[in-house]
Structure formats: structure tokens, C-alpha cells
Amino acid sequence: MKTWIKRTLIGVFGATVLFGGLAACSHRMHGPWGGHMTEAERTEWRGKMVERAGRKLDLDAAQQAKLTVLADAIEAQRKAMVAKGGEPRAELKAVLAGTQLDRQRALALIDTKAVALREGSPALVTAAADFYDSLKPEQQQKVRELLERRGGRHGWRG
């Protein structure tokens, strides 16, 4: 596998684990995926996560800006996923409403999410690659260590 592909993949997964790990460490009643946050609260939460990640990785101003772009790309992808399928809980209830699972509706729901994912992925990968490629080798190593430490456990201890 080519080096730039490896770096891109490591960057994307590293950033995902970084944000996922930070989110798992900060559970609150109104989490970013709980559906109870206003847009202002979501923006504030994202800013705090970017700031926390910046401190942990000791980012300079240019790297911090690229991390902010990555966080914005992640948020845009989240919004696209929600917009493509409507209210997830209502959609799931509709799939399960009858005596049998509505297979066609379930597949249609999956297709809409897949389209949103496919359409938004290039911008997300570009933002992740730009951020990861801007990191110094020791910062990249911290991201890989975080990935190794948090991988598979989603931040849970015990």
C-alpha cells in the first residue's frame, strides 16, 4: 500500500478515534448524539473538543485551524446523514411498525444513509488528511497511540 494512502487512512481513523475517545470521556445527559442539543450547544461542544484535542497534541495555530476544518467536515457529514434520512428514531419505528419488519423501507433507509456517506466522504478524508499530514512525527505518534489505547473499547473501562 502506498505511503500516502496509509497516512490518509491513519489520519482519518486517528481523528475519528480522537473525537470518539474525547466524546466518550465527556458523557453528559445532553450528549452530541443524544438529540437534545441545540445548534449553539453543539457548536460549543465541538469547540471544546477541538480545544482539548489541540492541548493534548500540542498543536500550533495552523494545525489547530486544520483540526477545526476537520471538525466542521465531521459536523457537515453528520448533518448530511440526518438530513438524508429524516428523524432516525421515527424511521426505525416506521420500519418496525407492522407485524413484520418492513424490509424495503429498511433497505431504502440504509441506501439514503449510504448515499450521504458516499457524497460526504471525499471532503471528510481530505480534511482528515490535511490535518494529519500537518502534524509533526511525534504528534502523529500520539494519535496512533490514542488509536491503539482506545481502539475497540470506545473509551469504556472495566
N, C-alpha and C. Protein backbone atom coordinates (compact mmCIF):
# COMPACT_ATOMS: atom_id res chain seq x y z
N MET A 1 0.85 -1.16 0.00
CA MET A 1 0.00 0.00 0.00
C MET A 1 0.90 1.23 0.00
N LYS A 2 0.52 2.26 -0.76
CA LYS A 2 1.33 3.45 -0.86
C LYS A 2 1.32 4.23 0.45
N THR A 3 2.42 4.92 0.69
CA THR A 3 2.59 5.63 1.95
C THR A 3 1.51 6.68 2.16
N TRP A 4 1.17 7.44 1.13
CA TRP A 4 0.17 8.49 1.31
C TRP A 4 -1.20 7.93 1.63
N ILE A 5 -1.51 6.74 1.10
CA ILE A 5 -2.79 6.10 1.42
C ILE A 5 -2.80 5.67 2.89
N LYS A 6 -1.69 5.08 3.32
CA LYS A 6 -1.59 4.67 4.73
C LYS A 6 -1.75 5.87 5.65
N ARG A 7 -1.05 6.96 5.32
CA ARG A 7 -1.13 8.15 6.17
C ARG A 7 -2.54 8.72 6.19
N THR A 8 -3.18 8.73 5.05
CA THR A 8 -4.55 9.24 4.99
C THR A 8 -5.48 8.40 5.84
N LEU A 9 -5.38 7.09 5.69
CA LEU A 9 -6.24 6.19 6.47
C LEU A 9 -5.97 6.31 7.96
N ILE A 10 -4.70 6.36 8.32
CA ILE A 10 -4.36 6.50 9.73
C ILE A 10 -4.88 7.84 10.25
N GLY A 11 -4.78 8.88 9.45
CA GLY A 11 -5.27 10.19 9.86
C GLY A 11 -6.77 10.20 10.08
N VAL A 12 -7.50 9.61 9.13
CA VAL A 12 -8.95 9.57 9.25
C VAL A 12 -9.37 8.77 10.48
N PHE A 13 -8.80 7.59 10.63
CA PHE A 13 -9.17 6.77 11.78
C PHE A 13 -8.67 7.39 13.08
N GLY A 14 -7.48 7.99 13.04
CA GLY A 14 -6.96 8.64 14.23
C GLY A 14 -7.85 9.78 14.69
N ALA A 15 -8.26 10.61 13.74
CA ALA A 15 -9.14 11.74 14.08
C ALA A 15 -10.48 11.23 14.60
N THR A 16 -11.00 10.18 13.96
CA THR A 16 -12.27 9.61 14.40
C THR A 16 -12.15 9.08 15.83
N VAL A 17 -11.07 8.36 16.09
CA VAL A 17 -10.87 7.82 17.43
C VAL A 17 -10.63 8.94 18.43
N LEU A 18 -9.90 9.96 17.98
CA LEU A 18 -9.63 11.09 18.87
C LEU A 18 -10.93 11.75 19.31
N PHE A 19 -11.79 12.08 18.34
CA PHE A 19 -13.06 12.70 18.69
C PHE A 19 -13.97 11.72 19.43
N GLY A 20 -13.98 10.48 19.02
CA GLY A 20 -14.80 9.48 19.71
C GLY A 20 -14.35 9.25 21.14
N GLY A 21 -13.03 9.18 21.32
CA GLY A 21 -12.49 8.99 22.66
C GLY A 21 -12.78 10.16 23.57
N LEU A 22 -12.62 11.36 23.01
CA LEU A 22 -12.92 12.55 23.81
C LEU A 22 -14.41 12.63 24.13
N ALA A 23 -15.23 12.26 23.18
CA ALA A 23 -16.67 12.28 23.42
C ALA A 23 -17.06 11.25 24.48
N ALA A 24 -16.43 10.09 24.43
CA ALA A 24 -16.75 9.04 25.39
C ALA A 24 -16.33 9.44 26.81
N CYS A 25 -15.29 10.23 26.90
CA CYS A 25 -14.82 10.67 28.21
C CYS A 25 -15.69 11.77 28.80
N SER A 26 -16.52 12.36 27.99
CA SER A 26 -17.30 13.51 28.48
C SER A 26 -18.79 13.25 28.39
N HIS A 27 -19.24 12.06 28.87
CA HIS A 27 -20.67 11.81 28.76
C HIS A 27 -21.42 12.72 29.71
N ARG A 28 -22.48 13.23 29.16
CA ARG A 28 -23.38 14.07 29.92
C ARG A 28 -24.79 13.72 29.49
N MET A 29 -25.73 14.23 30.21
CA MET A 29 -27.12 13.95 29.88
C MET A 29 -27.45 14.40 28.46
N HIS A 30 -26.92 15.54 28.05
CA HIS A 30 -27.19 16.06 26.73
C HIS A 30 -25.93 15.92 25.88
N GLY A 31 -25.67 14.73 25.37
CA GLY A 31 -24.51 14.49 24.54
C GLY A 31 -24.74 14.92 23.11
N PRO A 32 -23.70 14.97 22.30
CA PRO A 32 -23.84 15.43 20.93
C PRO A 32 -24.69 14.50 20.08
N TRP A 33 -24.85 13.26 20.48
CA TRP A 33 -25.65 12.32 19.71
C TRP A 33 -26.98 12.03 20.39
N GLY A 34 -27.24 12.71 21.48
CA GLY A 34 -28.47 12.48 22.22
C GLY A 34 -29.68 13.13 21.59
N GLY A 35 -29.47 14.04 20.66
CA GLY A 35 -30.58 14.69 20.00
C GLY A 35 -31.19 15.82 20.80
N HIS A 36 -30.66 16.14 21.96
CA HIS A 36 -31.23 17.16 22.82
C HIS A 36 -30.46 18.47 22.75
N MET A 37 -29.39 18.51 21.99
CA MET A 37 -28.56 19.70 21.93
C MET A 37 -29.07 20.68 20.89
N THR A 38 -29.02 21.94 21.23
CA THR A 38 -29.32 22.96 20.24
C THR A 38 -28.09 23.12 19.35
N GLU A 39 -28.27 23.85 18.28
CA GLU A 39 -27.13 24.08 17.38
C GLU A 39 -26.01 24.84 18.10
N ALA A 40 -26.38 25.79 18.95
CA ALA A 40 -25.39 26.55 19.71
C ALA A 40 -24.63 25.65 20.68
N GLU A 41 -25.34 24.75 21.35
CA GLU A 41 -24.69 23.81 22.27
C GLU A 41 -23.77 22.87 21.53
N ARG A 42 -24.21 22.42 20.37
CA ARG A 42 -23.39 21.52 19.55
C ARG A 42 -22.11 22.23 19.10
N THR A 43 -22.23 23.50 18.70
CA THR A 43 -21.07 24.28 18.27
C THR A 43 -20.11 24.48 19.45
N GLU A 44 -20.66 24.79 20.61
CA GLU A 44 -19.84 24.97 21.81
C GLU A 44 -19.11 23.66 22.16
N TRP A 45 -19.82 22.55 22.10
CA TRP A 45 -19.22 21.25 22.42
C TRP A 45 -18.09 20.94 21.44
N ARG A 46 -18.33 21.18 20.14
CA ARG A 46 -17.31 20.90 19.12
C ARG A 46 -16.08 21.77 19.38
N GLY A 47 -16.29 23.04 19.74
CA GLY A 47 -15.16 23.92 20.06
C GLY A 47 -14.35 23.41 21.23
N LYS A 48 -15.04 22.92 22.25
CA LYS A 48 -14.33 22.38 23.42
C LYS A 48 -13.52 21.13 23.06
N MET A 49 -14.09 20.27 22.21
CA MET A 49 -13.38 19.06 21.82
C MET A 49 -12.15 19.40 20.98
N VAL A 50 -12.29 20.37 20.10
CA VAL A 50 -11.15 20.80 19.28
C VAL A 50 -10.07 21.40 20.18
N GLU A 51 -10.49 22.21 21.14
CA GLU A 51 -9.54 22.82 22.07
C GLU A 51 -8.82 21.75 22.90
N ARG A 52 -9.58 20.78 23.39
CA ARG A 52 -8.99 19.71 24.20
C ARG A 52 -8.01 18.88 23.38
N ALA A 53 -8.40 18.54 22.16
CA ALA A 53 -7.51 17.77 21.29
C ALA A 53 -6.26 18.58 20.97
N GLY A 54 -6.44 19.88 20.76
CA GLY A 54 -5.30 20.76 20.49
C GLY A 54 -4.31 20.78 21.63
N ARG A 55 -4.82 20.79 22.85
CA ARG A 55 -3.93 20.76 24.02
C ARG A 55 -3.22 19.43 24.14
N LYS A 56 -3.96 18.34 23.93
CA LYS A 56 -3.35 17.01 24.08
C LYS A 56 -2.25 16.78 23.05
N LEU A 57 -2.45 17.30 21.84
CA LEU A 57 -1.47 17.10 20.77
C LEU A 57 -0.48 18.25 20.66
N ASP A 58 -0.65 19.30 21.47
CA ASP A 58 0.23 20.46 21.45
C ASP A 58 0.31 21.04 20.03
N LEU A 59 -0.85 21.44 19.50
CA LEU A 59 -0.94 21.93 18.13
C LEU A 59 -0.56 23.40 18.04
N ASP A 60 0.05 23.76 16.90
CA ASP A 60 0.30 25.17 16.63
C ASP A 60 -0.96 25.76 15.98
N ALA A 61 -0.93 27.04 15.66
CA ALA A 61 -2.12 27.72 15.14
C ALA A 61 -2.59 27.14 13.81
N ALA A 62 -1.66 26.82 12.91
CA ALA A 62 -2.04 26.27 11.61
C ALA A 62 -2.66 24.88 11.77
N GLN A 63 -2.09 24.06 12.64
CA GLN A 63 -2.63 22.73 12.89
C GLN A 63 -4.01 22.83 13.55
N GLN A 64 -4.15 23.77 14.47
CA GLN A 64 -5.44 23.98 15.14
C GLN A 64 -6.50 24.37 14.12
N ALA A 65 -6.13 25.21 13.15
CA ALA A 65 -7.07 25.62 12.11
C ALA A 65 -7.48 24.42 11.26
N LYS A 66 -6.54 23.54 10.96
CA LYS A 66 -6.86 22.35 10.17
C LYS A 66 -7.73 21.38 10.96
N LEU A 67 -7.51 21.31 12.26
CA LEU A 67 -8.37 20.47 13.11
C LEU A 67 -9.78 21.04 13.15
N THR A 68 -9.90 22.35 13.18
CA THR A 68 -11.22 22.98 13.15
C THR A 68 -11.93 22.68 11.83
N VAL A 69 -11.20 22.71 10.73
CA VAL A 69 -11.77 22.36 9.42
C VAL A 69 -12.25 20.91 9.45
N LEU A 70 -11.46 20.03 10.06
CA LEU A 70 -11.85 18.62 10.17
C LEU A 70 -13.11 18.47 11.02
N ALA A 71 -13.17 19.17 12.13
CA ALA A 71 -14.36 19.11 12.99
C ALA A 71 -15.59 19.63 12.24
N ASP A 72 -15.41 20.67 11.46
CA ASP A 72 -16.52 21.20 10.66
C ASP A 72 -16.96 20.19 9.60
N ALA A 73 -15.99 19.49 9.00
CA ALA A 73 -16.33 18.47 8.00
C ALA A 73 -17.08 17.30 8.63
N ILE A 74 -16.68 16.93 9.84
CA ILE A 74 -17.38 15.86 10.56
C ILE A 74 -18.82 16.30 10.86
N GLU A 75 -18.99 17.55 11.28
CA GLU A 75 -20.33 18.06 11.58
C GLU A 75 -21.17 18.14 10.31
N ALA A 76 -20.56 18.56 9.20
CA ALA A 76 -21.30 18.62 7.93
C ALA A 76 -21.74 17.22 7.52
N GLN A 77 -20.89 16.23 7.73
CA GLN A 77 -21.24 14.84 7.40
C GLN A 77 -22.38 14.36 8.30
N ARG A 78 -22.33 14.72 9.58
CA ARG A 78 -23.41 14.34 10.50
C ARG A 78 -24.73 14.95 10.05
N LYS A 79 -24.69 16.23 9.70
CA LYS A 79 -25.91 16.90 9.25
C LYS A 79 -26.44 16.27 7.97
N ALA A 80 -25.55 15.91 7.07
CA ALA A 80 -25.97 15.28 5.82
C ALA A 80 -26.61 13.92 6.09
N MET A 81 -26.06 13.17 7.02
CA MET A 81 -26.62 11.85 7.35
C MET A 81 -28.02 12.01 7.95
N VAL A 82 -28.20 13.00 8.80
CA VAL A 82 -29.51 13.23 9.41
C VAL A 82 -30.50 13.73 8.37
N ALA A 83 -30.07 14.65 7.53
CA ALA A 83 -30.96 15.24 6.52
C ALA A 83 -31.41 14.21 5.49
N LYS A 84 -30.56 13.27 5.15
CA LYS A 84 -30.90 12.29 4.12
C LYS A 84 -31.93 11.27 4.59
N GLY A 85 -32.00 11.05 5.90
CA GLY A 85 -32.91 10.01 6.36
C GLY A 85 -34.02 10.48 7.27
N GLY A 86 -34.07 11.75 7.55
CA GLY A 86 -35.10 12.24 8.47
C GLY A 86 -34.74 11.91 9.90
N GLU A 87 -35.72 11.87 10.75
CA GLU A 87 -35.53 11.55 12.16
C GLU A 87 -35.26 10.05 12.30
N PRO A 88 -34.05 9.66 12.75
CA PRO A 88 -33.69 8.23 12.80
C PRO A 88 -34.64 7.38 13.63
N ARG A 89 -35.03 7.86 14.80
CA ARG A 89 -35.91 7.07 15.66
C ARG A 89 -37.28 6.87 15.02
N ALA A 90 -37.82 7.90 14.39
CA ALA A 90 -39.11 7.80 13.71
C ALA A 90 -39.01 6.84 12.53
N GLU A 91 -37.90 6.89 11.81
CA GLU A 91 -37.71 5.98 10.68
C GLU A 91 -37.64 4.53 11.15
N LEU A 92 -36.92 4.30 12.24
CA LEU A 92 -36.82 2.94 12.78
C LEU A 92 -38.18 2.45 13.26
N LYS A 93 -38.94 3.32 13.92
CA LYS A 93 -40.28 2.95 14.36
C LYS A 93 -41.16 2.57 13.17
N ALA A 94 -41.02 3.31 12.08
CA ALA A 94 -41.81 3.02 10.88
C ALA A 94 -41.43 1.66 10.29
N VAL A 95 -40.14 1.34 10.33
CA VAL A 95 -39.69 0.04 9.82
C VAL A 95 -40.25 -1.10 10.68
N LEU A 96 -40.39 -0.86 11.96
CA LEU A 96 -40.84 -1.90 12.90
C LEU A 96 -42.33 -1.80 13.23
N ALA A 97 -43.07 -0.94 12.56
CA ALA A 97 -44.47 -0.69 12.91
C ALA A 97 -45.39 -1.88 12.67
N GLY A 98 -45.16 -2.66 11.65
CA GLY A 98 -46.06 -3.76 11.33
C GLY A 98 -45.72 -5.03 12.08
N THR A 99 -46.40 -6.10 11.73
CA THR A 99 -46.13 -7.39 12.36
C THR A 99 -44.84 -8.01 11.82
N GLN A 100 -44.41 -7.51 10.68
CA GLN A 100 -43.13 -7.95 10.10
C GLN A 100 -42.27 -6.73 9.82
N LEU A 101 -40.98 -6.92 9.85
CA LEU A 101 -40.06 -5.84 9.55
C LEU A 101 -40.25 -5.41 8.10
N ASP A 102 -40.40 -4.13 7.86
CA ASP A 102 -40.58 -3.59 6.51
C ASP A 102 -39.22 -3.57 5.82
N ARG A 103 -38.91 -4.64 5.12
CA ARG A 103 -37.58 -4.81 4.52
C ARG A 103 -37.27 -3.75 3.49
N GLN A 104 -38.24 -3.42 2.65
CA GLN A 104 -38.00 -2.42 1.62
C GLN A 104 -37.72 -1.05 2.23
N ARG A 105 -38.47 -0.70 3.24
CA ARG A 105 -38.25 0.60 3.89
C ARG A 105 -36.90 0.61 4.60
N ALA A 106 -36.53 -0.51 5.22
CA ALA A 106 -35.23 -0.60 5.89
C ALA A 106 -34.10 -0.45 4.88
N LEU A 107 -34.22 -1.14 3.75
CA LEU A 107 -33.19 -1.03 2.72
C LEU A 107 -33.13 0.38 2.13
N ALA A 108 -34.29 1.00 1.96
CA ALA A 108 -34.31 2.38 1.45
C ALA A 108 -33.63 3.32 2.43
N LEU A 109 -33.86 3.12 3.72
CA LEU A 109 -33.23 3.94 4.75
C LEU A 109 -31.71 3.76 4.71
N ILE A 110 -31.27 2.53 4.59
CA ILE A 110 -29.84 2.25 4.51
C ILE A 110 -29.24 2.89 3.26
N ASP A 111 -29.97 2.80 2.14
CA ASP A 111 -29.48 3.40 0.89
C ASP A 111 -29.31 4.90 1.02
N THR A 112 -30.26 5.57 1.65
CA THR A 112 -30.14 7.04 1.79
C THR A 112 -28.95 7.41 2.65
N LYS A 113 -28.72 6.64 3.70
CA LYS A 113 -27.56 6.91 4.56
C LYS A 113 -26.27 6.63 3.81
N ALA A 114 -26.25 5.57 3.01
CA ALA A 114 -25.05 5.22 2.25
C ALA A 114 -24.73 6.30 1.22
N VAL A 115 -25.75 6.85 0.58
CA VAL A 115 -25.54 7.93 -0.39
C VAL A 115 -24.94 9.15 0.31
N ALA A 116 -25.49 9.51 1.46
CA ALA A 116 -24.97 10.66 2.20
C ALA A 116 -23.52 10.42 2.62
N LEU A 117 -23.22 9.21 3.04
CA LEU A 117 -21.87 8.86 3.44
C LEU A 117 -20.92 8.93 2.25
N ARG A 118 -21.35 8.38 1.15
CA ARG A 118 -20.52 8.36 -0.06
C ARG A 118 -20.27 9.77 -0.58
N GLU A 119 -21.28 10.64 -0.56
CA GLU A 119 -21.14 12.00 -1.06
C GLU A 119 -20.25 12.86 -0.16
N GLY A 120 -20.30 12.65 1.14
CA GLY A 120 -19.53 13.48 2.06
C GLY A 120 -18.14 12.97 2.37
N SER A 121 -17.87 11.72 2.05
CA SER A 121 -16.58 11.13 2.41
C SER A 121 -15.37 11.80 1.79
N PRO A 122 -15.39 12.18 0.51
CA PRO A 122 -14.19 12.82 -0.04
C PRO A 122 -13.77 14.08 0.72
N ALA A 123 -14.72 14.93 1.07
CA ALA A 123 -14.38 16.15 1.81
C ALA A 123 -13.86 15.81 3.20
N LEU A 124 -14.44 14.79 3.83
CA LEU A 124 -14.01 14.38 5.16
C LEU A 124 -12.60 13.80 5.12
N VAL A 125 -12.32 12.96 4.14
CA VAL A 125 -10.99 12.36 4.00
C VAL A 125 -9.96 13.44 3.71
N THR A 126 -10.31 14.40 2.87
CA THR A 126 -9.39 15.49 2.55
C THR A 126 -9.06 16.30 3.80
N ALA A 127 -10.08 16.64 4.58
CA ALA A 127 -9.86 17.41 5.81
C ALA A 127 -9.01 16.61 6.80
N ALA A 128 -9.30 15.31 6.93
CA ALA A 128 -8.53 14.46 7.84
C ALA A 128 -7.08 14.34 7.38
N ALA A 129 -6.89 14.18 6.08
CA ALA A 129 -5.53 14.05 5.55
C ALA A 129 -4.76 15.36 5.72
N ASP A 130 -5.39 16.48 5.45
CA ASP A 130 -4.73 17.77 5.62
C ASP A 130 -4.29 17.97 7.07
N PHE A 131 -5.18 17.61 8.00
CA PHE A 131 -4.84 17.75 9.41
C PHE A 131 -3.71 16.80 9.79
N TYR A 132 -3.86 15.53 9.46
CA TYR A 132 -2.86 14.53 9.87
C TYR A 132 -1.51 14.81 9.24
N ASP A 133 -1.51 15.19 7.96
CA ASP A 133 -0.25 15.47 7.27
C ASP A 133 0.45 16.70 7.83
N SER A 134 -0.29 17.59 8.48
CA SER A 134 0.32 18.78 9.07
C SER A 134 0.98 18.50 10.42
N LEU A 135 0.70 17.33 10.98
CA LEU A 135 1.26 17.00 12.29
C LEU A 135 2.73 16.62 12.19
N LYS A 136 3.47 16.94 13.23
CA LYS A 136 4.87 16.51 13.33
C LYS A 136 4.88 15.01 13.63
N PRO A 137 5.98 14.33 13.35
CA PRO A 137 6.02 12.88 13.61
C PRO A 137 5.65 12.49 15.04
N GLU A 138 6.08 13.28 16.03
CA GLU A 138 5.74 12.93 17.42
C GLU A 138 4.25 13.14 17.70
N GLN A 139 3.64 14.11 17.05
CA GLN A 139 2.20 14.30 17.20
C GLN A 139 1.43 13.17 16.51
N GLN A 140 1.92 12.75 15.34
CA GLN A 140 1.30 11.61 14.66
C GLN A 140 1.39 10.36 15.52
N GLN A 141 2.51 10.21 16.21
CA GLN A 141 2.68 9.07 17.10
C GLN A 141 1.67 9.12 18.24
N LYS A 142 1.40 10.31 18.78
CA LYS A 142 0.38 10.44 19.84
C LYS A 142 -0.99 10.01 19.33
N VAL A 143 -1.31 10.39 18.09
CA VAL A 143 -2.60 10.00 17.52
C VAL A 143 -2.66 8.48 17.39
N ARG A 144 -1.55 7.88 16.91
CA ARG A 144 -1.53 6.41 16.76
C ARG A 144 -1.64 5.72 18.12
N GLU A 145 -0.98 6.29 19.15
CA GLU A 145 -1.07 5.71 20.49
C GLU A 145 -2.49 5.81 21.03
N LEU A 146 -3.13 6.94 20.78
CA LEU A 146 -4.52 7.09 21.21
C LEU A 146 -5.40 6.07 20.51
N LEU A 147 -5.15 5.87 19.23
CA LEU A 147 -5.89 4.87 18.47
C LEU A 147 -5.67 3.48 19.05
N GLU A 148 -4.45 3.18 19.40
CA GLU A 148 -4.12 1.87 19.98
C GLU A 148 -4.75 1.70 21.35
N ARG A 149 -4.70 2.75 22.17
CA ARG A 149 -5.23 2.68 23.53
C ARG A 149 -6.76 2.59 23.53
N ARG A 150 -7.41 3.34 22.66
CA ARG A 150 -8.86 3.43 22.67
C ARG A 150 -9.52 2.49 21.68
N GLY A 151 -8.80 1.98 20.75
CA GLY A 151 -9.37 1.16 19.70
C GLY A 151 -10.12 -0.05 20.22
N GLY A 152 -11.35 -0.22 19.75
CA GLY A 152 -12.13 -1.40 20.09
C GLY A 152 -12.87 -1.30 21.41
N ARG A 153 -12.48 -0.38 22.28
CA ARG A 153 -13.13 -0.29 23.57
C ARG A 153 -14.04 0.92 23.68
N HIS A 154 -13.96 1.82 22.74
CA HIS A 154 -14.79 3.02 22.69
C HIS A 154 -14.73 3.80 24.00
N GLY A 155 -13.55 3.81 24.63
CA GLY A 155 -13.38 4.60 25.82
C GLY A 155 -13.87 3.96 27.11
N TRP A 156 -14.48 2.81 27.03
CA TRP A 156 -15.01 2.17 28.24
C TRP A 156 -13.88 1.53 29.02
N ARG A 157 -14.00 1.61 30.30
CA ARG A 157 -13.00 0.97 31.17
C ARG A 157 -13.71 -0.11 31.98
N GLY A 158 -12.97 -1.20 32.20
CA GLY A 158 -13.57 -2.21 33.07
C GLY A 158 -13.82 -3.49 32.49
